[in-house]
Amino acid sequence: MASYPRVKRQITVERCEKFISENFFTDLNLRSSLYRKCTDSEKYIQLSVYKVPDLKRISFEEA
């Protein structure tokens, strides 16, 4: 039977930290993919508000 490779916790933690790091592999890691550009332009940001009809709301206990 083939034995499975052992998982070394410290190596796994280090790889996860580098995957989300601001300092390591910044062109390849998750952070670089998610945060390529940041903007606060009104063109890209919308805020929607929902008004409850007749202010009929259920109580916290009911929810």
PDB file of N, CA and C in Angstrom:
ATOM      1  N   MET A   1       0.823  -1.196   0.000  1.00  0.00           N
ATOM      2  CA  MET A   1       0.000   0.000   0.000  1.00  0.00           C
ATOM      3  C   MET A   1       0.861   1.251   0.000  1.00  0.00           C
ATOM      4  N   ALA A   2       0.449   2.205  -0.769  1.00  0.00           N
ATOM      5  CA  ALA A   2       1.175   3.471  -0.804  1.00  0.00           C
ATOM      6  C   ALA A   2       0.793   4.306   0.409  1.00  0.00           C
ATOM      7  N   SER A   3       1.786   4.896   1.019  1.00  0.00           N
ATOM      8  CA  SER A   3       1.479   5.757   2.165  1.00  0.00           C
ATOM      9  C   SER A   3       1.242   7.185   1.667  1.00  0.00           C
ATOM     10  N   TYR A   4       0.328   7.844   2.310  1.00  0.00           N
ATOM     11  CA  TYR A   4      -0.003   9.213   1.938  1.00  0.00           C
ATOM     12  C   TYR A   4       1.034  10.158   2.534  1.00  0.00           C
ATOM     13  N   PRO A   5       1.306  11.264   1.877  1.00  0.00           N
ATOM     14  CA  PRO A   5       2.272  12.209   2.446  1.00  0.00           C
ATOM     15  C   PRO A   5       1.729  12.810   3.737  1.00  0.00           C
ATOM     16  N   ARG A   6       2.615  13.014   4.675  1.00  0.00           N
ATOM     17  CA  ARG A   6       2.207  13.604   5.947  1.00  0.00           C
ATOM     18  C   ARG A   6       2.027  15.103   5.781  1.00  0.00           C
ATOM     19  N   VAL A   7       1.023  15.628   6.432  1.00  0.00           N
ATOM     20  CA  VAL A   7       0.760  17.063   6.392  1.00  0.00           C
ATOM     21  C   VAL A   7       1.501  17.707   7.553  1.00  0.00           C
ATOM     22  N   LYS A   8       2.369  18.625   7.227  1.00  0.00           N
ATOM     23  CA  LYS A   8       3.108  19.365   8.246  1.00  0.00           C
ATOM     24  C   LYS A   8       2.375  20.676   8.483  1.00  0.00           C
ATOM     25  N   ARG A   9       1.876  20.859   9.682  1.00  0.00           N
ATOM     26  CA  ARG A   9       1.052  22.024   9.987  1.00  0.00           C
ATOM     27  C   ARG A   9       1.773  23.335   9.706  1.00  0.00           C
ATOM     28  N   GLN A  10       3.009  23.452  10.146  1.00  0.00           N
ATOM     29  CA  GLN A  10       3.743  24.706   9.983  1.00  0.00           C
ATOM     30  C   GLN A  10       3.930  25.063   8.508  1.00  0.00           C
ATOM     31  N   ILE A  11       4.192  24.071   7.675  1.00  0.00           N
ATOM     32  CA  ILE A  11       4.354  24.323   6.240  1.00  0.00           C
ATOM     33  C   ILE A  11       3.031  24.784   5.641  1.00  0.00           C
ATOM     34  N   THR A  12       1.940  24.136   6.042  1.00  0.00           N
ATOM     35  CA  THR A  12       0.617  24.505   5.540  1.00  0.00           C
ATOM     36  C   THR A  12       0.253  25.925   5.956  1.00  0.00           C
ATOM     37  N   VAL A  13       0.490  26.271   7.201  1.00  0.00           N
ATOM     38  CA  VAL A  13       0.193  27.616   7.700  1.00  0.00           C
ATOM     39  C   VAL A  13       1.021  28.654   6.949  1.00  0.00           C
ATOM     40  N   GLU A  14       2.300  28.367   6.755  1.00  0.00           N
ATOM     41  CA  GLU A  14       3.173  29.301   6.043  1.00  0.00           C
ATOM     42  C   GLU A  14       2.706  29.523   4.609  1.00  0.00           C
ATOM     43  N   ARG A  15       2.303  28.473   3.940  1.00  0.00           N
ATOM     44  CA  ARG A  15       1.815  28.606   2.563  1.00  0.00           C
ATOM     45  C   ARG A  15       0.525  29.414   2.508  1.00  0.00           C
ATOM     46  N   CYS A  16      -0.360  29.188   3.464  1.00  0.00           N
ATOM     47  CA  CYS A  16      -1.607  29.963   3.512  1.00  0.00           C
ATOM     48  C   CYS A  16      -1.320  31.437   3.764  1.00  0.00           C
ATOM     49  N   GLU A  17      -0.392  31.715   4.664  1.00  0.00           N
ATOM     50  CA  GLU A  17      -0.033  33.107   4.950  1.00  0.00           C
ATOM     51  C   GLU A  17       0.536  33.794   3.712  1.00  0.00           C
ATOM     52  N   LYS A  18       1.369  33.097   2.970  1.00  0.00           N
ATOM     53  CA  LYS A  18       1.949  33.683   1.756  1.00  0.00           C
ATOM     54  C   LYS A  18       0.898  33.847   0.665  1.00  0.00           C
ATOM     55  N   PHE A  19      -0.095  32.983   0.665  1.00  0.00           N
ATOM     56  CA  PHE A  19      -1.145  33.049  -0.349  1.00  0.00           C
ATOM     57  C   PHE A  19      -1.981  34.312  -0.206  1.00  0.00           C
ATOM     58  N   ILE A  20      -2.121  34.815   1.018  1.00  0.00           N
ATOM     59  CA  ILE A  20      -2.914  36.026   1.250  1.00  0.00           C
ATOM     60  C   ILE A  20      -2.052  37.225   1.647  1.00  0.00           C
ATOM     61  N   SER A  21      -0.754  37.070   1.574  1.00  0.00           N
ATOM     62  CA  SER A  21       0.181  38.091   2.028  1.00  0.00           C
ATOM     63  C   SER A  21       0.195  39.330   1.140  1.00  0.00           C
ATOM     64  N   GLU A  22       0.538  40.459   1.751  1.00  0.00           N
ATOM     65  CA  GLU A  22       0.754  41.696   1.004  1.00  0.00           C
ATOM     66  C   GLU A  22       2.208  41.811   0.553  1.00  0.00           C
ATOM     67  N   ASN A  23       3.079  40.920   1.057  1.00  0.00           N
ATOM     68  CA  ASN A  23       4.513  41.041   0.801  1.00  0.00           C
ATOM     69  C   ASN A  23       5.092  39.959  -0.105  1.00  0.00           C
ATOM     70  N   PHE A  24       4.557  38.748  -0.046  1.00  0.00           N
ATOM     71  CA  PHE A  24       5.128  37.635  -0.794  1.00  0.00           C
ATOM     72  C   PHE A  24       4.287  37.310  -2.019  1.00  0.00           C
ATOM     73  N   PHE A  25       4.942  37.034  -3.126  1.00  0.00           N
ATOM     74  CA  PHE A  25       4.287  36.605  -4.366  1.00  0.00           C
ATOM     75  C   PHE A  25       3.118  37.527  -4.727  1.00  0.00           C
ATOM     76  N   THR A  26       3.346  38.806  -4.640  1.00  0.00           N
ATOM     77  CA  THR A  26       2.257  39.767  -4.811  1.00  0.00           C
ATOM     78  C   THR A  26       1.657  39.775  -6.212  1.00  0.00           C
ATOM     79  N   ASP A  27       2.361  39.227  -7.174  1.00  0.00           N
ATOM     80  CA  ASP A  27       1.799  39.168  -8.524  1.00  0.00           C
ATOM     81  C   ASP A  27       0.983  37.903  -8.752  1.00  0.00           C
ATOM     82  N   LEU A  28       1.080  36.927  -7.839  1.00  0.00           N
ATOM     83  CA  LEU A  28       0.423  35.636  -8.042  1.00  0.00           C
ATOM     84  C   LEU A  28      -0.569  35.244  -6.958  1.00  0.00           C
ATOM     85  N   ASN A  29      -0.512  35.852  -5.807  1.00  0.00           N
ATOM     86  CA  ASN A  29      -1.333  35.369  -4.701  1.00  0.00           C
ATOM     87  C   ASN A  29      -2.784  35.849  -4.783  1.00  0.00           C
ATOM     88  N   LEU A  30      -3.584  35.423  -3.845  1.00  0.00           N
ATOM     89  CA  LEU A  30      -5.012  35.719  -3.837  1.00  0.00           C
ATOM     90  C   LEU A  30      -5.291  37.217  -3.749  1.00  0.00           C
ATOM     91  N   ARG A  31      -4.555  37.900  -2.922  1.00  0.00           N
ATOM     92  CA  ARG A  31      -4.775  39.338  -2.739  1.00  0.00           C
ATOM     93  C   ARG A  31      -4.599  40.096  -4.049  1.00  0.00           C
ATOM     94  N   SER A  32      -3.618  39.708  -4.848  1.00  0.00           N
ATOM     95  CA  SER A  32      -3.398  40.404  -6.120  1.00  0.00           C
ATOM     96  C   SER A  32      -4.538  40.160  -7.093  1.00  0.00           C
ATOM     97  N   SER A  33      -5.181  39.008  -6.983  1.00  0.00           N
ATOM     98  CA  SER A  33      -6.311  38.711  -7.868  1.00  0.00           C
ATOM     99  C   SER A  33      -7.569  39.455  -7.450  1.00  0.00           C
ATOM    100  N   LEU A  34      -7.773  39.604  -6.160  1.00  0.00           N
ATOM    101  CA  LEU A  34      -8.993  40.234  -5.667  1.00  0.00           C
ATOM    102  C   LEU A  34      -8.927  41.755  -5.672  1.00  0.00           C
ATOM    103  N   TYR A  35      -7.757  42.296  -5.411  1.00  0.00           N
ATOM    104  CA  TYR A  35      -7.636  43.739  -5.225  1.00  0.00           C
ATOM    105  C   TYR A  35      -6.738  44.364  -6.284  1.00  0.00           C
ATOM    106  N   ARG A  36      -7.035  44.118  -7.531  1.00  0.00           N
ATOM    107  CA  ARG A  36      -6.218  44.700  -8.602  1.00  0.00           C
ATOM    108  C   ARG A  36      -6.390  46.206  -8.651  1.00  0.00           C
ATOM    109  N   LYS A  37      -7.617  46.649  -8.586  1.00  0.00           N
ATOM    110  CA  LYS A  37      -7.889  48.083  -8.602  1.00  0.00           C
ATOM    111  C   LYS A  37      -8.936  48.383  -7.543  1.00  0.00           C
ATOM    112  N   CYS A  38      -8.765  49.487  -6.879  1.00  0.00           N
ATOM    113  CA  CYS A  38      -9.754  49.937  -5.902  1.00  0.00           C
ATOM    114  C   CYS A  38     -10.237  51.316  -6.324  1.00  0.00           C
ATOM    115  N   THR A  39     -11.527  51.514  -6.210  1.00  0.00           N
ATOM    116  CA  THR A  39     -12.084  52.814  -6.565  1.00  0.00           C
ATOM    117  C   THR A  39     -13.289  53.104  -5.682  1.00  0.00           C
ATOM    118  N   ASP A  40     -13.557  54.358  -5.494  1.00  0.00           N
ATOM    119  CA  ASP A  40     -14.752  54.746  -4.754  1.00  0.00           C
ATOM    120  C   ASP A  40     -15.659  55.602  -5.630  1.00  0.00           C
ATOM    121  N   SER A  41     -15.543  55.423  -6.919  1.00  0.00           N
ATOM    122  CA  SER A  41     -16.348  56.180  -7.866  1.00  0.00           C
ATOM    123  C   SER A  41     -17.824  55.801  -7.754  1.00  0.00           C
ATOM    124  N   GLU A  42     -18.692  56.778  -7.883  1.00  0.00           N
ATOM    125  CA  GLU A  42     -20.132  56.515  -7.822  1.00  0.00           C
ATOM    126  C   GLU A  42     -20.594  55.632  -8.974  1.00  0.00           C
ATOM    127  N   LYS A  43     -19.801  55.563 -10.014  1.00  0.00           N
ATOM    128  CA  LYS A  43     -20.133  54.725 -11.158  1.00  0.00           C
ATOM    129  C   LYS A  43     -20.177  53.242 -10.762  1.00  0.00           C
ATOM    130  N   TYR A  44     -19.356  52.844  -9.793  1.00  0.00           N
ATOM    131  CA  TYR A  44     -19.233  51.439  -9.419  1.00  0.00           C
ATOM    132  C   TYR A  44     -19.912  51.087  -8.101  1.00  0.00           C
ATOM    133  N   ILE A  45     -20.320  52.071  -7.347  1.00  0.00           N
ATOM    134  CA  ILE A  45     -20.900  51.812  -6.029  1.00  0.00           C
ATOM    135  C   ILE A  45     -22.358  52.224  -6.025  1.00  0.00           C
ATOM    136  N   GLN A  46     -23.221  51.314  -5.563  1.00  0.00           N
ATOM    137  CA  GLN A  46     -24.646  51.614  -5.447  1.00  0.00           C
ATOM    138  C   GLN A  46     -25.119  51.251  -4.045  1.00  0.00           C
ATOM    139  N   LEU A  47     -26.055  52.009  -3.561  1.00  0.00           N
ATOM    140  CA  LEU A  47     -26.664  51.734  -2.273  1.00  0.00           C
ATOM    141  C   LEU A  47     -28.156  51.624  -2.483  1.00  0.00           C
ATOM    142  N   SER A  48     -28.718  50.508  -2.067  1.00  0.00           N
ATOM    143  CA  SER A  48     -30.159  50.300  -2.200  1.00  0.00           C
ATOM    144  C   SER A  48     -30.782  50.264  -0.816  1.00  0.00           C
ATOM    145  N   VAL A  49     -31.952  50.843  -0.698  1.00  0.00           N
ATOM    146  CA  VAL A  49     -32.669  50.866   0.570  1.00  0.00           C
ATOM    147  C   VAL A  49     -34.028  50.232   0.356  1.00  0.00           C
ATOM    148  N   TYR A  50     -34.403  49.343   1.270  1.00  0.00           N
ATOM    149  CA  TYR A  50     -35.703  48.690   1.200  1.00  0.00           C
ATOM    150  C   TYR A  50     -36.546  49.202   2.351  1.00  0.00           C
ATOM    151  N   LYS A  51     -37.696  49.740   2.039  1.00  0.00           N
ATOM    152  CA  LYS A  51     -38.612  50.213   3.082  1.00  0.00           C
ATOM    153  C   LYS A  51     -39.659  49.141   3.335  1.00  0.00           C
ATOM    154  N   VAL A  52     -39.875  48.847   4.594  1.00  0.00           N
ATOM    155  CA  VAL A  52     -40.876  47.856   4.978  1.00  0.00           C
ATOM    156  C   VAL A  52     -42.253  48.482   4.810  1.00  0.00           C
ATOM    157  N   PRO A  53     -43.156  47.817   4.059  1.00  0.00           N
ATOM    158  CA  PRO A  53     -44.487  48.390   3.845  1.00  0.00           C
ATOM    159  C   PRO A  53     -45.258  48.548   5.158  1.00  0.00           C
ATOM    160  N   ASP A  54     -45.808  49.701   5.387  1.00  0.00           N
ATOM    161  CA  ASP A  54     -46.625  50.016   6.572  1.00  0.00           C
ATOM    162  C   ASP A  54     -45.896  49.733   7.885  1.00  0.00           C
ATOM    163  N   LEU A  55     -44.602  49.718   7.840  1.00  0.00           N
ATOM    164  CA  LEU A  55     -43.769  49.453   9.020  1.00  0.00           C
ATOM    165  C   LEU A  55     -44.154  48.167   9.745  1.00  0.00           C
ATOM    166  N   LYS A  56     -44.603  47.169   9.000  1.00  0.00           N
ATOM    167  CA  LYS A  56     -44.962  45.884   9.605  1.00  0.00           C
ATOM    168  C   LYS A  56     -43.704  45.032   9.705  1.00  0.00           C
ATOM    169  N   ARG A  57     -43.227  44.906  10.897  1.00  0.00           N
ATOM    170  CA  ARG A  57     -42.015  44.127  11.124  1.00  0.00           C
ATOM    171  C   ARG A  57     -42.295  43.061  12.165  1.00  0.00           C
ATOM    172  N   ILE A  58     -41.665  41.922  11.988  1.00  0.00           N
ATOM    173  CA  ILE A  58     -41.830  40.869  12.989  1.00  0.00           C
ATOM    174  C   ILE A  58     -40.884  41.148  14.147  1.00  0.00           C
ATOM    175  N   SER A  59     -41.238  40.659  15.303  1.00  0.00           N
ATOM    176  CA  SER A  59     -40.406  40.884  16.478  1.00  0.00           C
ATOM    177  C   SER A  59     -39.167  39.997  16.417  1.00  0.00           C
ATOM    178  N   PHE A  60     -38.201  40.332  17.240  1.00  0.00           N
ATOM    179  CA  PHE A  60     -36.969  39.558  17.294  1.00  0.00           C
ATOM    180  C   PHE A  60     -37.259  38.129  17.732  1.00  0.00           C
ATOM    181  N   GLU A  61     -38.182  37.961  18.657  1.00  0.00           N
ATOM    182  CA  GLU A  61     -38.533  36.628  19.150  1.00  0.00           C
ATOM    183  C   GLU A  61     -39.164  35.784  18.042  1.00  0.00           C
ATOM    184  N   GLU A  62     -39.997  36.402  17.196  1.00  0.00           N
ATOM    185  CA  GLU A  62     -40.631  35.676  16.088  1.00  0.00           C
ATOM    186  C   GLU A  62     -39.614  35.218  15.058  1.00  0.00           C
ATOM    187  N   ALA A  63     -38.634  36.057  14.829  1.00  0.00           N
ATOM    188  CA  ALA A  63     -37.635  35.740  13.806  1.00  0.00           C
ATOM    189  C   ALA A  63     -36.835  34.559  14.265  1.00  0.00           C
TER     190      ALA A  63
END
